[in-house]
Each structure stands twice: as C-alpha cells, then as structure tokens.
Amino acid sequence: MTAPDGLSVSDVTDTSVKLSWNAVAGATDYEISGGPKTETRKGTSAVISGLTSDTEYQFSIIAKDASGQAKDSASVAFSVIQTIKPAA
C-alpha cells in the first residue's frame, strides 16, 4: 500500500486544523498521528482540535487496509499561530 499523497493543511486556528489527503486504493482506514492523540478516520479529511497556540506540529497519515497492514506514511509540518483579535 502506498502513502497518501496530496496531504494539505487548511482552516488553521489557534486550537485546530483541517487535514486533507487523497484516497489510497485498498485503504479502509487512515491513522493520523502528531497531534494531541492518534486518531483513525475512514474518510480523506479530519479536523484536529486541542492544539496549542504558538506550537509547531508535524502530522503523519498512514493508510491501512482491512487487515490493519500499513506500509508508508505522508507527513506535513505547520505552526499554529495565536490569533490576535483587535480590542473592542
């Protein structure tokens, strides 16, 4: 099984991020690591919450088949920057 490609980061806030990637033929689950906890998803995107401001993260996505076998992973690094709101 190949690594997911097209891994991208969007909708970054000071506490969450959306990760998206392309489907891998034969994959039934995708394991996401690098955040507050390791998570498993069936689809090709995930919103990860519980992040900390002013912190750099590196997430890895591993495609797994029905028997749980995995081979390669894709990684992406980014920083969560604190959002400064104007005074009211």
Protein backbone atom coordinates (compact mmCIF):
# COMPACT_ATOMS: atom_id res chain seq x y z
CA MET A 1 0.00 0.00 0.00
CA THR A 2 1.32 3.44 -0.87
CA ALA A 3 1.43 6.53 1.28
CA PRO A 4 -1.42 9.01 0.94
CA ASP A 5 -0.46 11.92 -1.30
CA GLY A 6 -1.82 15.43 -1.64
CA LEU A 7 -1.64 15.98 2.11
CA SER A 8 -2.61 19.56 2.89
CA VAL A 9 -3.42 21.82 5.82
CA SER A 10 -6.28 24.34 5.85
CA ASP A 11 -8.58 26.21 8.22
CA VAL A 12 -5.81 26.67 10.80
CA THR A 13 -6.95 28.37 14.01
CA ASP A 14 -5.12 28.77 17.30
CA THR A 15 -6.60 25.44 18.52
CA SER A 16 -7.48 23.35 15.44
CA VAL A 17 -6.57 22.44 11.86
CA LYS A 18 -8.14 20.60 8.95
CA LEU A 19 -6.01 17.95 7.24
CA SER A 20 -6.94 16.58 3.81
CA TRP A 21 -5.33 13.94 1.60
CA ASN A 22 -6.05 11.82 -1.47
CA ALA A 23 -7.55 8.35 -1.14
CA VAL A 24 -5.29 5.31 -1.41
CA ALA A 25 -6.60 2.29 -3.35
CA GLY A 26 -7.34 -0.56 -0.95
CA ALA A 27 -7.23 1.59 2.19
CA THR A 28 -10.08 1.23 4.67
CA ASP A 29 -8.71 3.48 7.41
CA TYR A 30 -6.22 6.31 7.81
CA GLU A 31 -4.23 6.72 11.03
CA ILE A 32 -3.38 10.32 11.94
CA SER A 33 -0.58 10.97 14.41
CA GLY A 34 1.26 14.06 15.58
CA GLY A 35 -1.50 15.89 17.44
CA PRO A 36 -2.76 15.59 20.99
CA LYS A 37 -3.70 11.94 20.28
CA THR A 38 -3.52 9.37 17.48
CA GLU A 39 -6.81 9.19 15.58
CA THR A 40 -8.28 6.92 12.92
CA ARG A 41 -10.57 8.08 10.11
CA LYS A 42 -12.32 6.31 7.26
CA GLY A 43 -12.50 9.41 5.02
CA THR A 44 -9.85 11.62 3.48
CA SER A 45 -10.03 14.59 5.83
CA ALA A 46 -10.05 15.31 9.53
CA VAL A 47 -10.40 18.33 11.79
CA ILE A 48 -7.92 18.00 14.64
CA SER A 49 -8.66 20.04 17.75
CA GLY A 50 -6.95 20.52 21.09
CA LEU A 51 -3.87 22.16 19.56
CA THR A 52 -1.81 24.76 21.41
CA SER A 53 -1.07 28.27 20.11
CA ASP A 54 2.48 29.14 19.07
CA THR A 55 3.37 25.48 18.58
CA GLU A 56 4.77 23.63 15.57
CA TYR A 57 3.15 20.31 14.69
CA GLN A 58 4.08 17.56 12.27
CA PHE A 59 1.25 15.23 11.36
CA SER A 60 1.65 11.86 9.66
CA ILE A 61 -1.07 9.97 7.79
CA ILE A 62 -0.80 6.20 7.34
CA ALA A 63 -3.16 4.27 5.06
CA LYS A 64 -4.24 0.87 6.40
CA ASP A 65 -6.02 -1.99 4.67
CA ALA A 66 -8.81 -4.15 6.14
CA SER A 67 -6.28 -6.34 7.99
CA GLY A 68 -4.62 -3.29 9.55
CA GLN A 69 -1.49 -3.56 7.42
CA ALA A 70 0.28 -0.32 6.60
CA LYS A 71 3.48 0.49 4.78
CA ASP A 72 4.25 4.13 4.13
CA SER A 73 3.17 7.44 5.61
CA ALA A 74 2.86 11.02 4.42
CA SER A 75 3.85 13.94 6.64
CA VAL A 76 3.14 17.65 6.81
CA ALA A 77 4.53 20.26 9.22
CA PHE A 78 2.96 23.59 10.15
CA SER A 79 2.78 26.06 13.00
CA VAL A 80 -0.26 27.19 14.93
CA ILE A 81 -0.04 30.95 15.39
CA GLN A 82 -2.03 32.72 18.06
CA THR A 83 -4.83 34.79 16.59
CA ILE A 84 -4.73 38.37 17.83
CA LYS A 85 -8.14 39.97 17.95
CA PRO A 86 -8.49 43.76 17.82
CA ALA A 87 -9.60 45.48 21.00
CA ALA A 88 -13.33 46.20 21.19
